[in-house]
Amino acid sequence: METLKFKTNIKCGGCIATVTPALDNLEGIAKWEVDTTNPDKILTVKSDNGLTANDVISALKINGYNAEEI
């Protein structure tokens, strides 16, 4: 299992609700969470083999959110 971390602009529960379908349906994600209390709004993704940072970034971008791998 691999852990990917991203700085995002996902700020609140409403934002999380918006990205949930995209992240839940992204193949290779075992678990994900966003720390909205962190100033950088850190998205942590636990993934199985084959998932890339660009896959996550693209899925968020489609929904109007930015992510930068850290």
PDB file of N, CA and C in Angstrom:
ATOM      1  N   MET A   1       0.856  -1.179   0.000  1.00  0.00           N
ATOM      2  CA  MET A   1       0.000   0.000   0.000  1.00  0.00           C
ATOM      3  C   MET A   1       0.899   1.239   0.000  1.00  0.00           C
ATOM      4  N   GLU A   2       0.556   2.192  -0.821  1.00  0.00           N
ATOM      5  CA  GLU A   2       1.309   3.436  -0.954  1.00  0.00           C
ATOM      6  C   GLU A   2       0.474   4.588  -0.407  1.00  0.00           C
ATOM      7  N   THR A   3       1.144   5.591   0.168  1.00  0.00           N
ATOM      8  CA  THR A   3       0.467   6.783   0.656  1.00  0.00           C
ATOM      9  C   THR A   3       0.906   7.977  -0.177  1.00  0.00           C
ATOM     10  N   LEU A   4      -0.084   8.690  -0.721  1.00  0.00           N
ATOM     11  CA  LEU A   4       0.156   9.918  -1.472  1.00  0.00           C
ATOM     12  C   LEU A   4      -0.438  11.069  -0.677  1.00  0.00           C
ATOM     13  N   LYS A   5       0.258  12.206  -0.658  1.00  0.00           N
ATOM     14  CA  LYS A   5      -0.250  13.391   0.051  1.00  0.00           C
ATOM     15  C   LYS A   5      -0.249  14.582  -0.895  1.00  0.00           C
ATOM     16  N   PHE A   6      -1.290  15.398  -0.740  1.00  0.00           N
ATOM     17  CA  PHE A   6      -1.485  16.548  -1.610  1.00  0.00           C
ATOM     18  C   PHE A   6      -1.905  17.767  -0.813  1.00  0.00           C
ATOM     19  N   LYS A   7      -1.402  18.920  -1.205  1.00  0.00           N
ATOM     20  CA  LYS A   7      -1.905  20.206  -0.731  1.00  0.00           C
ATOM     21  C   LYS A   7      -3.083  20.537  -1.643  1.00  0.00           C
ATOM     22  N   THR A   8      -4.237  20.878  -1.064  1.00  0.00           N
ATOM     23  CA  THR A   8      -5.445  21.103  -1.870  1.00  0.00           C
ATOM     24  C   THR A   8      -6.140  22.408  -1.476  1.00  0.00           C
ATOM     25  N   ASN A   9      -7.213  22.695  -2.204  1.00  0.00           N
ATOM     26  CA  ASN A   9      -8.099  23.793  -1.839  1.00  0.00           C
ATOM     27  C   ASN A   9      -9.477  23.252  -1.423  1.00  0.00           C
ATOM     28  N   ILE A  10      -9.500  22.047  -0.867  1.00  0.00           N
ATOM     29  CA  ILE A  10     -10.717  21.435  -0.330  1.00  0.00           C
ATOM     30  C   ILE A  10     -10.873  21.962   1.096  1.00  0.00           C
ATOM     31  N   LYS A  11     -11.838  22.870   1.313  1.00  0.00           N
ATOM     32  CA  LYS A  11     -11.884  23.650   2.553  1.00  0.00           C
ATOM     33  C   LYS A  11     -12.893  23.191   3.595  1.00  0.00           C
ATOM     34  N   CYS A  12     -13.950  22.488   3.154  1.00  0.00           N
ATOM     35  CA  CYS A  12     -15.039  22.237   4.097  1.00  0.00           C
ATOM     36  C   CYS A  12     -15.763  20.935   3.769  1.00  0.00           C
ATOM     37  N   GLY A  13     -16.760  20.638   4.572  1.00  0.00           N
ATOM     38  CA  GLY A  13     -17.556  19.433   4.357  1.00  0.00           C
ATOM     39  C   GLY A  13     -18.266  19.426   3.018  1.00  0.00           C
ATOM     40  N   GLY A  14     -18.707  20.604   2.562  1.00  0.00           N
ATOM     41  CA  GLY A  14     -19.358  20.693   1.256  1.00  0.00           C
ATOM     42  C   GLY A  14     -18.393  20.357   0.125  1.00  0.00           C
ATOM     43  N   CYS A  15     -17.162  20.818   0.268  1.00  0.00           N
ATOM     44  CA  CYS A  15     -16.124  20.501  -0.727  1.00  0.00           C
ATOM     45  C   CYS A  15     -15.849  19.001  -0.735  1.00  0.00           C
ATOM     46  N   ILE A  16     -15.765  18.422   0.459  1.00  0.00           N
ATOM     47  CA  ILE A  16     -15.520  16.983   0.565  1.00  0.00           C
ATOM     48  C   ILE A  16     -16.662  16.209  -0.089  1.00  0.00           C
ATOM     49  N   ALA A  17     -17.894  16.645   0.131  1.00  0.00           N
ATOM     50  CA  ALA A  17     -19.042  15.987  -0.487  1.00  0.00           C
ATOM     51  C   ALA A  17     -18.962  16.054  -2.015  1.00  0.00           C
ATOM     52  N   THR A  18     -18.442  17.156  -2.540  1.00  0.00           N
ATOM     53  CA  THR A  18     -18.321  17.314  -3.986  1.00  0.00           C
ATOM     54  C   THR A  18     -17.295  16.356  -4.579  1.00  0.00           C
ATOM     55  N   VAL A  19     -16.165  16.171  -3.899  1.00  0.00           N
ATOM     56  CA  VAL A  19     -15.100  15.315  -4.450  1.00  0.00           C
ATOM     57  C   VAL A  19     -15.264  13.837  -4.087  1.00  0.00           C
ATOM     58  N   THR A  20     -16.139  13.522  -3.145  1.00  0.00           N
ATOM     59  CA  THR A  20     -16.301  12.130  -2.711  1.00  0.00           C
ATOM     60  C   THR A  20     -16.601  11.173  -3.857  1.00  0.00           C
ATOM     61  N   PRO A  21     -17.569  11.447  -4.749  1.00  0.00           N
ATOM     62  CA  PRO A  21     -17.824  10.485  -5.831  1.00  0.00           C
ATOM     63  C   PRO A  21     -16.599  10.272  -6.731  1.00  0.00           C
ATOM     64  N   ALA A  22     -15.883  11.343  -7.030  1.00  0.00           N
ATOM     65  CA  ALA A  22     -14.716  11.224  -7.912  1.00  0.00           C
ATOM     66  C   ALA A  22     -13.626  10.377  -7.264  1.00  0.00           C
ATOM     67  N   LEU A  23     -13.365  10.609  -5.993  1.00  0.00           N
ATOM     68  CA  LEU A  23     -12.308   9.852  -5.320  1.00  0.00           C
ATOM     69  C   LEU A  23     -12.744   8.431  -4.987  1.00  0.00           C
ATOM     70  N   ASP A  24     -13.999   8.255  -4.587  1.00  0.00           N
ATOM     71  CA  ASP A  24     -14.492   6.906  -4.273  1.00  0.00           C
ATOM     72  C   ASP A  24     -14.507   6.011  -5.506  1.00  0.00           C
ATOM     73  N   ASN A  25     -14.713   6.588  -6.677  1.00  0.00           N
ATOM     74  CA  ASN A  25     -14.783   5.799  -7.902  1.00  0.00           C
ATOM     75  C   ASN A  25     -13.451   5.683  -8.635  1.00  0.00           C
ATOM     76  N   LEU A  26     -12.420   6.298  -8.096  1.00  0.00           N
ATOM     77  CA  LEU A  26     -11.105   6.243  -8.727  1.00  0.00           C
ATOM     78  C   LEU A  26     -10.463   4.900  -8.388  1.00  0.00           C
ATOM     79  N   GLU A  27     -10.162   4.130  -9.415  1.00  0.00           N
ATOM     80  CA  GLU A  27      -9.614   2.795  -9.212  1.00  0.00           C
ATOM     81  C   GLU A  27      -8.242   2.880  -8.551  1.00  0.00           C
ATOM     82  N   GLY A  28      -8.062   2.079  -7.520  1.00  0.00           N
ATOM     83  CA  GLY A  28      -6.784   2.025  -6.833  1.00  0.00           C
ATOM     84  C   GLY A  28      -6.785   2.706  -5.476  1.00  0.00           C
ATOM     85  N   ILE A  29      -7.811   3.504  -5.175  1.00  0.00           N
ATOM     86  CA  ILE A  29      -7.866   4.160  -3.860  1.00  0.00           C
ATOM     87  C   ILE A  29      -8.488   3.201  -2.855  1.00  0.00           C
ATOM     88  N   ALA A  30      -7.731   2.931  -1.793  1.00  0.00           N
ATOM     89  CA  ALA A  30      -8.245   2.091  -0.718  1.00  0.00           C
ATOM     90  C   ALA A  30      -8.930   2.947   0.347  1.00  0.00           C
ATOM     91  N   LYS A  31      -8.360   4.140   0.602  1.00  0.00           N
ATOM     92  CA  LYS A  31      -8.893   5.043   1.620  1.00  0.00           C
ATOM     93  C   LYS A  31      -8.358   6.435   1.343  1.00  0.00           C
ATOM     94  N   TRP A  32      -9.149   7.447   1.674  1.00  0.00           N
ATOM     95  CA  TRP A  32      -8.688   8.834   1.542  1.00  0.00           C
ATOM     96  C   TRP A  32      -9.333   9.683   2.609  1.00  0.00           C
ATOM     97  N   GLU A  33      -8.651  10.782   2.950  1.00  0.00           N
ATOM     98  CA  GLU A  33      -9.205  11.738   3.907  1.00  0.00           C
ATOM     99  C   GLU A  33      -8.555  13.090   3.688  1.00  0.00           C
ATOM    100  N   VAL A  34      -9.290  14.137   4.065  1.00  0.00           N
ATOM    101  CA  VAL A  34      -8.787  15.498   3.951  1.00  0.00           C
ATOM    102  C   VAL A  34      -8.737  16.103   5.349  1.00  0.00           C
ATOM    103  N   ASP A  35      -7.588  16.671   5.690  1.00  0.00           N
ATOM    104  CA  ASP A  35      -7.432  17.369   6.973  1.00  0.00           C
ATOM    105  C   ASP A  35      -7.755  18.839   6.725  1.00  0.00           C
ATOM    106  N   THR A  36      -9.010  19.209   6.934  1.00  0.00           N
ATOM    107  CA  THR A  36      -9.437  20.589   6.678  1.00  0.00           C
ATOM    108  C   THR A  36      -8.968  21.543   7.776  1.00  0.00           C
ATOM    109  N   THR A  37      -8.449  21.020   8.884  1.00  0.00           N
ATOM    110  CA  THR A  37      -7.930  21.885   9.935  1.00  0.00           C
ATOM    111  C   THR A  37      -6.496  22.334   9.636  1.00  0.00           C
ATOM    112  N   ASN A  38      -5.814  21.626   8.773  1.00  0.00           N
ATOM    113  CA  ASN A  38      -4.461  21.999   8.362  1.00  0.00           C
ATOM    114  C   ASN A  38      -4.551  23.171   7.390  1.00  0.00           C
ATOM    115  N   PRO A  39      -3.715  24.183   7.526  1.00  0.00           N
ATOM    116  CA  PRO A  39      -3.776  25.338   6.612  1.00  0.00           C
ATOM    117  C   PRO A  39      -3.590  24.957   5.134  1.00  0.00           C
ATOM    118  N   ASP A  40      -2.887  23.845   4.882  1.00  0.00           N
ATOM    119  CA  ASP A  40      -2.674  23.400   3.505  1.00  0.00           C
ATOM    120  C   ASP A  40      -3.739  22.424   3.022  1.00  0.00           C
ATOM    121  N   LYS A  41      -4.748  22.135   3.861  1.00  0.00           N
ATOM    122  CA  LYS A  41      -5.862  21.250   3.494  1.00  0.00           C
ATOM    123  C   LYS A  41      -5.336  19.950   2.872  1.00  0.00           C
ATOM    124  N   ILE A  42      -4.614  19.183   3.662  1.00  0.00           N
ATOM    125  CA  ILE A  42      -3.888  18.012   3.180  1.00  0.00           C
ATOM    126  C   ILE A  42      -4.834  16.841   2.890  1.00  0.00           C
ATOM    127  N   LEU A  43      -4.772  16.368   1.655  1.00  0.00           N
ATOM    128  CA  LEU A  43      -5.476  15.164   1.224  1.00  0.00           C
ATOM    129  C   LEU A  43      -4.481  14.011   1.310  1.00  0.00           C
ATOM    130  N   THR A  44      -4.838  12.975   2.069  1.00  0.00           N
ATOM    131  CA  THR A  44      -4.013  11.771   2.179  1.00  0.00           C
ATOM    132  C   THR A  44      -4.756  10.636   1.497  1.00  0.00           C
ATOM    133  N   VAL A  45      -4.079   9.984   0.562  1.00  0.00           N
ATOM    134  CA  VAL A  45      -4.675   8.890  -0.199  1.00  0.00           C
ATOM    135  C   VAL A  45      -3.858   7.634   0.036  1.00  0.00           C
ATOM    136  N   LYS A  46      -4.515   6.584   0.495  1.00  0.00           N
ATOM    137  CA  LYS A  46      -3.897   5.261   0.597  1.00  0.00           C
ATOM    138  C   LYS A  46      -4.312   4.513  -0.664  1.00  0.00           C
ATOM    139  N   SER A  47      -3.310   4.053  -1.414  1.00  0.00           N
ATOM    140  CA  SER A  47      -3.633   3.461  -2.702  1.00  0.00           C
ATOM    141  C   SER A  47      -3.014   2.084  -2.878  1.00  0.00           C
ATOM    142  N   ASP A  48      -3.656   1.329  -3.733  1.00  0.00           N
ATOM    143  CA  ASP A  48      -3.124   0.051  -4.172  1.00  0.00           C
ATOM    144  C   ASP A  48      -2.221   0.326  -5.374  1.00  0.00           C
ATOM    145  N   ASN A  49      -1.652  -0.690  -5.900  1.00  0.00           N
ATOM    146  CA  ASN A  49      -0.737  -0.544  -7.038  1.00  0.00           C
ATOM    147  C   ASN A  49      -1.393   0.141  -8.223  1.00  0.00           C
ATOM    148  N   GLY A  50      -0.604   0.959  -8.901  1.00  0.00           N
ATOM    149  CA  GLY A  50      -1.045   1.531 -10.165  1.00  0.00           C
ATOM    150  C   GLY A  50      -1.609   2.931 -10.105  1.00  0.00           C
ATOM    151  N   LEU A  51      -2.025   3.406  -8.949  1.00  0.00           N
ATOM    152  CA  LEU A  51      -2.579   4.750  -8.860  1.00  0.00           C
ATOM    153  C   LEU A  51      -1.440   5.762  -8.828  1.00  0.00           C
ATOM    154  N   THR A  52      -1.542   6.791  -9.657  1.00  0.00           N
ATOM    155  CA  THR A  52      -0.506   7.816  -9.678  1.00  0.00           C
ATOM    156  C   THR A  52      -1.036   9.126  -9.100  1.00  0.00           C
ATOM    157  N   ALA A  53      -0.119  10.006  -8.747  1.00  0.00           N
ATOM    158  CA  ALA A  53      -0.502  11.322  -8.258  1.00  0.00           C
ATOM    159  C   ALA A  53      -1.306  12.064  -9.318  1.00  0.00           C
ATOM    160  N   ASN A  54      -0.928  11.909 -10.575  1.00  0.00           N
ATOM    161  CA  ASN A  54      -1.656  12.586 -11.653  1.00  0.00           C
ATOM    162  C   ASN A  54      -3.095  12.104 -11.776  1.00  0.00           C
ATOM    163  N   ASP A  55      -3.354  10.826 -11.461  1.00  0.00           N
ATOM    164  CA  ASP A  55      -4.731  10.312 -11.471  1.00  0.00           C
ATOM    165  C   ASP A  55      -5.586  11.073 -10.465  1.00  0.00           C
ATOM    166  N   VAL A  56      -5.053  11.275  -9.275  1.00  0.00           N
ATOM    167  CA  VAL A  56      -5.782  11.975  -8.216  1.00  0.00           C
ATOM    168  C   VAL A  56      -5.956  13.448  -8.586  1.00  0.00           C
ATOM    169  N   ILE A  57      -4.888  14.085  -9.042  1.00  0.00           N
ATOM    170  CA  ILE A  57      -4.939  15.492  -9.420  1.00  0.00           C
ATOM    171  C   ILE A  57      -5.972  15.713 -10.518  1.00  0.00           C
ATOM    172  N   SER A  58      -6.006  14.835 -11.517  1.00  0.00           N
ATOM    173  CA  SER A  58      -6.974  14.955 -12.619  1.00  0.00           C
ATOM    174  C   SER A  58      -8.408  14.788 -12.137  1.00  0.00           C
ATOM    175  N   ALA A  59      -8.633  13.826 -11.244  1.00  0.00           N
ATOM    176  CA  ALA A  59      -9.987  13.596 -10.723  1.00  0.00           C
ATOM    177  C   ALA A  59     -10.489  14.814  -9.956  1.00  0.00           C
ATOM    178  N   LEU A  60      -9.609  15.460  -9.200  1.00  0.00           N
ATOM    179  CA  LEU A  60     -10.013  16.649  -8.463  1.00  0.00           C
ATOM    180  C   LEU A  60     -10.229  17.835  -9.403  1.00  0.00           C
ATOM    181  N   LYS A  61      -9.370  17.976 -10.391  1.00  0.00           N
ATOM    182  CA  LYS A  61      -9.464  19.102 -11.321  1.00  0.00           C
ATOM    183  C   LYS A  61     -10.797  19.091 -12.079  1.00  0.00           C
ATOM    184  N   ILE A  62     -11.271  17.909 -12.447  1.00  0.00           N
ATOM    185  CA  ILE A  62     -12.567  17.776 -13.132  1.00  0.00           C
ATOM    186  C   ILE A  62     -13.684  18.371 -12.285  1.00  0.00           C
ATOM    187  N   ASN A  63     -13.534  18.288 -10.958  1.00  0.00           N
ATOM    188  CA  ASN A  63     -14.553  18.797 -10.030  1.00  0.00           C
ATOM    189  C   ASN A  63     -14.261  20.217  -9.549  1.00  0.00           C
ATOM    190  N   GLY A  64     -13.249  20.852 -10.136  1.00  0.00           N
ATOM    191  CA  GLY A  64     -12.974  22.248  -9.819  1.00  0.00           C
ATOM    192  C   GLY A  64     -12.035  22.472  -8.642  1.00  0.00           C
ATOM    193  N   TYR A  65     -11.289  21.442  -8.253  1.00  0.00           N
ATOM    194  CA  TYR A  65     -10.366  21.568  -7.118  1.00  0.00           C
ATOM    195  C   TYR A  65      -8.946  21.362  -7.591  1.00  0.00           C
ATOM    196  N   ASN A  66      -8.016  22.020  -6.891  1.00  0.00           N
ATOM    197  CA  ASN A  66      -6.603  21.927  -7.204  1.00  0.00           C
ATOM    198  C   ASN A  66      -5.919  21.032  -6.185  1.00  0.00           C
ATOM    199  N   ALA A  67      -4.881  20.332  -6.641  1.00  0.00           N
ATOM    200  CA  ALA A  67      -4.067  19.519  -5.744  1.00  0.00           C
ATOM    201  C   ALA A  67      -2.629  19.560  -6.239  1.00  0.00           C
ATOM    202  N   GLU A  68      -1.730  19.595  -5.286  1.00  0.00           N
ATOM    203  CA  GLU A  68      -0.296  19.597  -5.588  1.00  0.00           C
ATOM    204  C   GLU A  68       0.346  18.538  -4.699  1.00  0.00           C
ATOM    205  N   GLU A  69       1.034  17.583  -5.316  1.00  0.00           N
ATOM    206  CA  GLU A  69       1.651  16.521  -4.539  1.00  0.00           C
ATOM    207  C   GLU A  69       2.734  17.087  -3.628  1.00  0.00           C
ATOM    208  N   ILE A  70       2.767  16.586  -2.395  1.00  0.00           N
ATOM    209  CA  ILE A  70       3.811  17.005  -1.446  1.00  0.00           C
ATOM    210  C   ILE A  70       4.576  15.808  -0.936  1.00  0.00           C
TER     211      ILE A  70
END
